[in-house]
Amino acid sequence: MSSSKSSQLKLDEIGKWSELKLEIIRKYAHSYTTILTSHRLSPIYIDGFAGAGEHISRTTGERIKGSPLEAFETRPSFAAFHLVDLEGTRADALKALAAGRTDTKIYHGDCNDVLLNKVFPEVAKSVFNRALCILDPYGLHLDWEVIQAAGRTGQIEIFLNFATGDMQRNVFRKDQSKVSAESLERMNRFWGDESWKPLIYTTQQGLFGDMEEKDRLSVTNLLTAFKSRLKKVAGFGFVPEPVPMKNSKGTVIYHLFYASPKSKGGELGQKIVTQIMNKYREEGQI
């Protein structure tokens, strides 16, 4: 990476909640590759929002490894890596980190296009391939079509950041007239249609006719419905309860979902993830 491009790169600062997510994925990745390689299957790592590969910890101010670097160091190793980022300097940083590796492909582009048209078809080429796909958008920048495509392969497991904070700030407002057309479009693309609306708003009789008001249990309703949607619509077999990730003020930034295929491997994946999550719950970190 040239010095001019390097100088343009600004690493993301991440909070404790994001560091915890990285720990969860790292621990699961070790179990994932261990089990698959023991069954002579080929584990593939996919990161749809890979970033620059490194971050700055808000807690310590130090550089820490992002999910791509953690994946590179997983043992037993993944057989292949597919890393995607929309931003050019981040893609360049990933290329520098992956220099000399023959098992890694870096994509500069929109993961909604890249995963559907390039990466998922690559996984599907062999019945021996299995993939762990990290979908960690900064907000509502992921299309349902991608989630559904992953589920229907029967070969891909996902960790997904459900952008609760972005939804609460920009979509789920008491006065719907204040929600921008762009925010509504992003929500519809993420959900796949408009069936999320009755989960958030209830119709009440007002002085001048029916009025839609925000339901006080809206987020709980939405999470329950999304879990069901991952199974019934996307075709995943196993979806444990999502984990709320909170910032230092106790505000939920996002919920971390895991989903795996309808198979013995998918069932085992759910058990392992649940054990990891429960450990952090017992320690009070979740």
Protein backbone atom coordinates (compact mmCIF):
# COMPACT_ATOMS: atom_id res chain seq x y z
CA MET A 1 0.00 0.00 0.00
CA SER A 2 1.44 3.34 -1.02
CA SER A 3 2.14 5.99 1.58
CA SER A 4 -0.48 8.30 0.03
CA LYS A 5 -3.20 5.67 0.34
CA SER A 6 -2.02 4.69 3.78
CA SER A 7 -2.30 8.29 4.96
CA GLN A 8 -5.94 8.36 3.84
CA LEU A 9 -6.87 5.28 5.86
CA LYS A 10 -8.55 5.92 9.19
CA LEU A 11 -9.10 2.89 11.38
CA ASP A 12 -12.47 2.53 13.05
CA GLU A 13 -12.66 3.06 16.79
CA ILE A 14 -14.67 0.29 18.40
CA GLY A 15 -16.22 -0.03 21.83
CA LYS A 16 -16.15 -2.89 24.30
CA TRP A 17 -19.29 -4.40 22.78
CA SER A 18 -17.55 -4.80 19.42
CA GLU A 19 -14.48 -6.31 21.09
CA LEU A 20 -16.79 -8.80 22.80
CA LYS A 21 -18.34 -9.70 19.44
CA LEU A 22 -14.85 -10.34 18.04
CA GLU A 23 -14.10 -12.63 21.00
CA ILE A 24 -17.29 -14.61 20.40
CA ILE A 25 -16.56 -15.06 16.70
CA ARG A 26 -12.91 -15.98 17.37
CA LYS A 27 -13.88 -18.69 19.85
CA TYR A 28 -16.53 -20.09 17.56
CA ALA A 29 -14.24 -20.03 14.50
CA HIS A 30 -11.75 -22.33 16.27
CA SER A 31 -14.48 -24.89 17.01
CA TYR A 32 -15.89 -24.48 13.50
CA THR A 33 -12.66 -25.25 11.63
CA THR A 34 -11.73 -28.03 14.06
CA ILE A 35 -14.99 -29.90 13.50
CA LEU A 36 -15.14 -29.39 9.74
CA THR A 37 -11.56 -30.43 9.05
CA SER A 38 -12.04 -33.55 11.19
CA HIS A 39 -14.90 -34.48 8.84
CA ARG A 40 -12.83 -33.72 5.74
CA LEU A 41 -14.94 -30.71 4.85
CA SER A 42 -13.52 -27.42 3.58
CA PRO A 43 -14.15 -24.42 5.90
CA ILE A 44 -14.39 -21.04 4.14
CA TYR A 45 -14.38 -17.63 5.81
CA ILE A 46 -16.51 -14.80 4.38
CA ASP A 47 -16.61 -11.21 5.66
CA GLY A 48 -19.11 -8.94 3.92
CA PHE A 49 -18.06 -5.76 5.76
CA ALA A 50 -14.44 -6.59 6.44
CA GLY A 51 -13.16 -3.08 7.11
CA ALA A 52 -9.41 -2.48 7.12
CA GLY A 53 -8.64 -5.62 9.12
CA GLU A 54 -7.67 -3.69 12.24
CA HIS A 55 -9.38 -1.31 14.67
CA ILE A 56 -8.59 1.13 17.46
CA SER A 57 -9.92 0.15 20.88
CA ARG A 58 -11.81 2.98 22.58
CA THR A 59 -10.99 1.33 25.90
CA THR A 60 -7.19 1.22 25.53
CA GLY A 61 -6.48 3.39 22.47
CA GLU A 62 -4.41 0.53 21.02
CA ARG A 63 -4.66 -1.21 17.67
CA ILE A 64 -6.53 -4.51 17.84
CA LYS A 65 -7.11 -7.24 15.29
CA GLY A 66 -10.31 -7.10 13.30
CA SER A 67 -12.25 -10.18 12.26
CA PRO A 68 -10.18 -10.79 9.06
CA LEU A 69 -6.88 -10.93 10.98
CA GLU A 70 -8.48 -13.11 13.67
CA ALA A 71 -9.69 -15.43 10.91
CA PHE A 72 -6.21 -15.62 9.35
CA GLU A 73 -4.85 -16.79 12.70
CA THR A 74 -7.55 -19.40 13.36
CA ARG A 75 -6.20 -22.93 13.79
CA PRO A 76 -6.97 -25.29 12.17
CA SER A 77 -6.95 -22.83 9.29
CA PHE A 78 -9.79 -21.91 6.99
CA ALA A 79 -9.25 -23.25 3.48
CA ALA A 80 -10.13 -19.93 1.82
CA PHE A 81 -11.00 -16.34 2.68
CA HIS A 82 -13.32 -13.90 0.92
CA LEU A 83 -13.10 -10.33 2.25
CA VAL A 84 -15.36 -7.54 0.98
CA ASP A 85 -15.42 -3.82 1.64
CA LEU A 86 -17.12 -0.94 -0.15
CA GLU A 87 -14.47 1.64 0.73
CA GLY A 88 -11.36 1.69 -1.44
CA THR A 89 -8.70 2.47 1.19
CA ARG A 90 -10.03 -0.32 3.42
CA ALA A 91 -9.90 -2.78 0.54
CA ASP A 92 -6.33 -1.66 -0.14
CA ALA A 93 -5.45 -2.20 3.53
CA LEU A 94 -6.89 -5.73 3.33
CA LYS A 95 -4.81 -6.42 0.23
CA ALA A 96 -1.69 -5.33 2.11
CA LEU A 97 -2.53 -7.59 5.06
CA ALA A 98 -3.17 -10.51 2.71
CA ALA A 99 -0.04 -9.95 0.59
CA GLY A 100 1.54 -13.24 -0.38
CA ARG A 101 -1.49 -15.32 0.53
CA THR A 102 -2.87 -17.56 -2.22
CA ASP A 103 -5.97 -18.52 -0.24
CA THR A 104 -7.50 -15.04 -0.04
CA LYS A 105 -9.64 -12.95 -2.36
CA ILE A 106 -10.24 -9.25 -1.66
CA TYR A 107 -13.25 -7.53 -3.22
CA HIS A 108 -13.71 -3.78 -3.46
CA GLY A 109 -17.45 -3.38 -3.85
CA ASP A 110 -20.93 -3.63 -2.38
CA CYS A 111 -21.30 -6.91 -0.51
CA ASN A 112 -24.95 -7.11 -1.55
CA ASP A 113 -23.71 -7.63 -5.09
CA VAL A 114 -20.39 -9.36 -4.42
CA LEU A 115 -21.72 -12.05 -2.08
CA LEU A 116 -24.69 -12.92 -4.28
CA ASN A 117 -22.89 -13.01 -7.61
CA LYS A 118 -19.33 -14.02 -6.76
CA VAL A 119 -18.78 -15.48 -3.30
CA PHE A 120 -21.84 -17.63 -2.58
CA PRO A 121 -21.64 -19.30 -6.03
CA GLU A 122 -17.99 -20.12 -5.22
CA VAL A 123 -19.06 -21.87 -2.01
CA ALA A 124 -21.76 -23.81 -3.84
CA LYS A 125 -19.29 -25.26 -6.35
CA SER A 126 -18.48 -28.18 -4.06
CA VAL A 127 -20.67 -30.23 -1.70
CA PHE A 128 -17.64 -30.40 0.60
CA ASN A 129 -17.53 -26.63 1.11
CA ARG A 130 -18.92 -24.97 4.21
CA ALA A 131 -18.73 -21.26 5.03
CA LEU A 132 -18.84 -19.01 8.06
CA CYS A 133 -20.13 -15.62 6.90
CA ILE A 134 -19.79 -12.48 9.02
CA LEU A 135 -22.35 -9.80 8.18
CA ASP A 136 -21.41 -6.76 10.25
CA PRO A 137 -22.88 -3.67 8.55
CA TYR A 138 -22.48 -0.23 10.09
CA GLY A 139 -26.26 0.16 9.95
CA LEU A 140 -29.11 -0.85 7.65
CA HIS A 141 -26.84 -1.48 4.66
CA LEU A 142 -27.55 -5.16 4.07
CA ASP A 143 -30.22 -6.59 1.77
CA TRP A 144 -32.49 -9.43 2.88
CA GLU A 145 -31.73 -11.12 -0.44
CA VAL A 146 -28.19 -11.82 0.80
CA ILE A 147 -29.37 -13.31 4.10
CA GLN A 148 -31.92 -15.47 2.31
CA ALA A 149 -29.40 -16.64 -0.27
CA ALA A 150 -27.01 -17.72 2.50
CA GLY A 151 -29.73 -19.68 4.26
CA ARG A 152 -30.92 -21.46 1.16
CA THR A 153 -27.48 -22.80 0.26
CA GLY A 154 -27.56 -25.18 3.23
CA GLN A 155 -23.80 -24.67 3.43
CA ILE A 156 -23.42 -21.26 5.08
CA GLU A 157 -23.64 -20.15 8.72
CA ILE A 158 -23.92 -16.48 9.58
CA PHE A 159 -23.19 -14.07 12.39
CA LEU A 160 -25.36 -11.02 11.73
CA ASN A 161 -25.43 -7.58 13.32
CA PHE A 162 -29.11 -6.67 13.55
CA ALA A 163 -28.93 -2.87 13.46
CA THR A 164 -31.30 -2.13 16.36
CA GLY A 165 -29.80 1.29 17.06
CA ASP A 166 -30.08 2.52 13.48
CA MET A 167 -33.69 1.31 13.32
CA GLN A 168 -34.60 3.03 16.59
CA ARG A 169 -32.97 6.33 15.62
CA ASN A 170 -34.03 6.60 12.01
CA VAL A 171 -37.03 4.35 11.33
CA PHE A 172 -39.10 3.60 14.44
CA ARG A 173 -40.34 7.09 15.23
CA LYS A 174 -43.65 7.92 16.85
CA ASP A 175 -44.35 10.43 14.08
CA GLN A 176 -43.84 8.44 10.88
CA SER A 177 -43.93 11.61 8.78
CA LYS A 178 -40.47 12.39 10.17
CA VAL A 179 -38.98 9.16 8.80
CA SER A 180 -37.07 9.82 5.58
CA ALA A 181 -37.84 7.92 2.39
CA GLU A 182 -34.21 6.73 2.38
CA SER A 183 -34.52 5.23 5.88
CA LEU A 184 -37.75 3.46 4.94
CA GLU A 185 -36.14 2.05 1.82
CA ARG A 186 -33.13 0.79 3.80
CA MET A 187 -35.44 -0.89 6.32
CA ASN A 188 -37.53 -2.52 3.62
CA ARG A 189 -34.45 -3.81 1.83
CA PHE A 190 -33.04 -5.22 5.04
CA TRP A 191 -36.31 -6.90 6.04
CA GLY A 192 -37.20 -7.92 2.49
CA ASP A 193 -40.65 -6.30 2.46
CA GLU A 194 -42.89 -4.07 4.62
CA SER A 195 -44.14 -6.82 6.96
CA TRP A 196 -42.10 -5.25 9.80
CA LYS A 197 -44.49 -2.29 10.07
CA PRO A 198 -47.36 -3.97 11.99
CA LEU A 199 -44.76 -5.32 14.42
CA ILE A 200 -43.77 -1.76 15.32
CA TYR A 201 -47.01 0.18 14.99
CA THR A 202 -50.54 -0.55 16.19
CA THR A 203 -53.67 1.08 14.85
CA GLN A 204 -55.63 3.15 17.39
CA GLN A 205 -58.94 5.00 17.06
CA GLY A 206 -58.28 8.73 17.12
CA LEU A 207 -60.47 11.81 17.13
CA PHE A 208 -60.23 12.13 13.34
CA GLY A 209 -60.08 8.42 12.47
CA ASP A 210 -57.56 5.59 12.74
CA MET A 211 -54.07 6.51 13.91
CA GLU A 212 -50.89 4.40 13.94
CA GLU A 213 -48.91 4.48 17.15
CA LYS A 214 -45.61 2.88 18.08
CA ASP A 215 -46.04 -0.29 20.14
CA ARG A 216 -44.14 -0.25 23.44
CA LEU A 217 -43.04 -3.87 22.81
CA SER A 218 -41.94 -3.11 19.25
CA VAL A 219 -38.31 -4.25 19.45
CA THR A 220 -39.22 -7.49 21.26
CA ASN A 221 -41.85 -8.18 18.60
CA LEU A 222 -39.37 -7.45 15.83
CA LEU A 223 -36.61 -9.71 17.17
CA THR A 224 -39.03 -12.61 17.62
CA ALA A 225 -40.35 -12.15 14.10
CA PHE A 226 -36.86 -11.85 12.58
CA LYS A 227 -35.75 -15.06 14.27
CA SER A 228 -38.81 -16.78 12.78
CA ARG A 229 -38.12 -15.18 9.41
CA LEU A 230 -34.57 -16.53 9.37
CA LYS A 231 -36.00 -20.03 9.74
CA LYS A 232 -39.22 -19.96 7.74
CA VAL A 233 -38.24 -17.63 4.89
CA ALA A 234 -34.45 -17.82 4.64
CA GLY A 235 -34.36 -21.54 5.39
CA PHE A 236 -31.90 -21.66 8.29
CA GLY A 237 -32.44 -24.59 10.63
CA PHE A 238 -31.13 -23.22 13.90
CA VAL A 239 -31.33 -19.67 15.30
CA PRO A 240 -30.63 -19.20 19.02
CA GLU A 241 -31.78 -16.10 20.87
CA PRO A 242 -29.89 -12.99 19.72
CA VAL A 243 -27.50 -11.24 22.07
CA PRO A 244 -28.00 -7.52 22.82
CA MET A 245 -24.79 -5.53 22.47
CA LYS A 246 -24.79 -2.37 24.61
CA ASN A 247 -22.54 0.65 24.71
CA SER A 248 -21.00 2.15 27.85
CA LYS A 249 -24.28 3.98 28.58
CA GLY A 250 -26.29 0.77 28.51
CA THR A 251 -27.97 1.56 25.18
CA VAL A 252 -28.46 -1.36 22.80
CA ILE A 253 -26.46 -0.69 19.64
CA TYR A 254 -27.35 -3.92 17.87
CA HIS A 255 -28.36 -7.53 18.45
CA LEU A 256 -25.99 -10.29 17.39
CA PHE A 257 -27.78 -13.11 15.57
CA TYR A 258 -26.34 -16.50 14.68
CA ALA A 259 -28.03 -18.84 12.19
CA SER A 260 -26.99 -22.24 10.83
CA PRO A 261 -28.29 -24.74 8.26
CA LYS A 262 -30.74 -27.62 8.77
CA SER A 263 -28.17 -30.33 9.44
CA LYS A 264 -26.40 -32.12 12.27
CA GLY A 265 -23.55 -29.66 11.78
CA GLY A 266 -25.95 -26.75 12.05
CA GLU A 267 -27.42 -28.15 15.25
CA LEU A 268 -23.94 -28.61 16.70
CA GLY A 269 -23.06 -25.03 15.71
CA GLN A 270 -26.07 -23.74 17.62
CA LYS A 271 -25.03 -25.68 20.73
CA ILE A 272 -21.49 -24.32 20.62
CA VAL A 273 -22.60 -20.72 20.07
CA THR A 274 -25.15 -21.01 22.89
CA GLN A 275 -22.44 -22.32 25.24
CA ILE A 276 -20.17 -19.39 24.35
CA MET A 277 -22.99 -16.88 24.81
CA ASN A 278 -24.03 -18.40 28.15
CA LYS A 279 -20.48 -18.11 29.44
CA TYR A 280 -20.50 -14.37 28.82
CA ARG A 281 -23.97 -14.09 30.35
CA GLU A 282 -22.75 -15.84 33.52
CA GLU A 283 -19.83 -13.42 33.68
CA GLY A 284 -22.21 -10.48 33.37
CA GLN A 285 -20.71 -9.24 30.09
CA ILE A 286 -24.00 -9.77 28.24
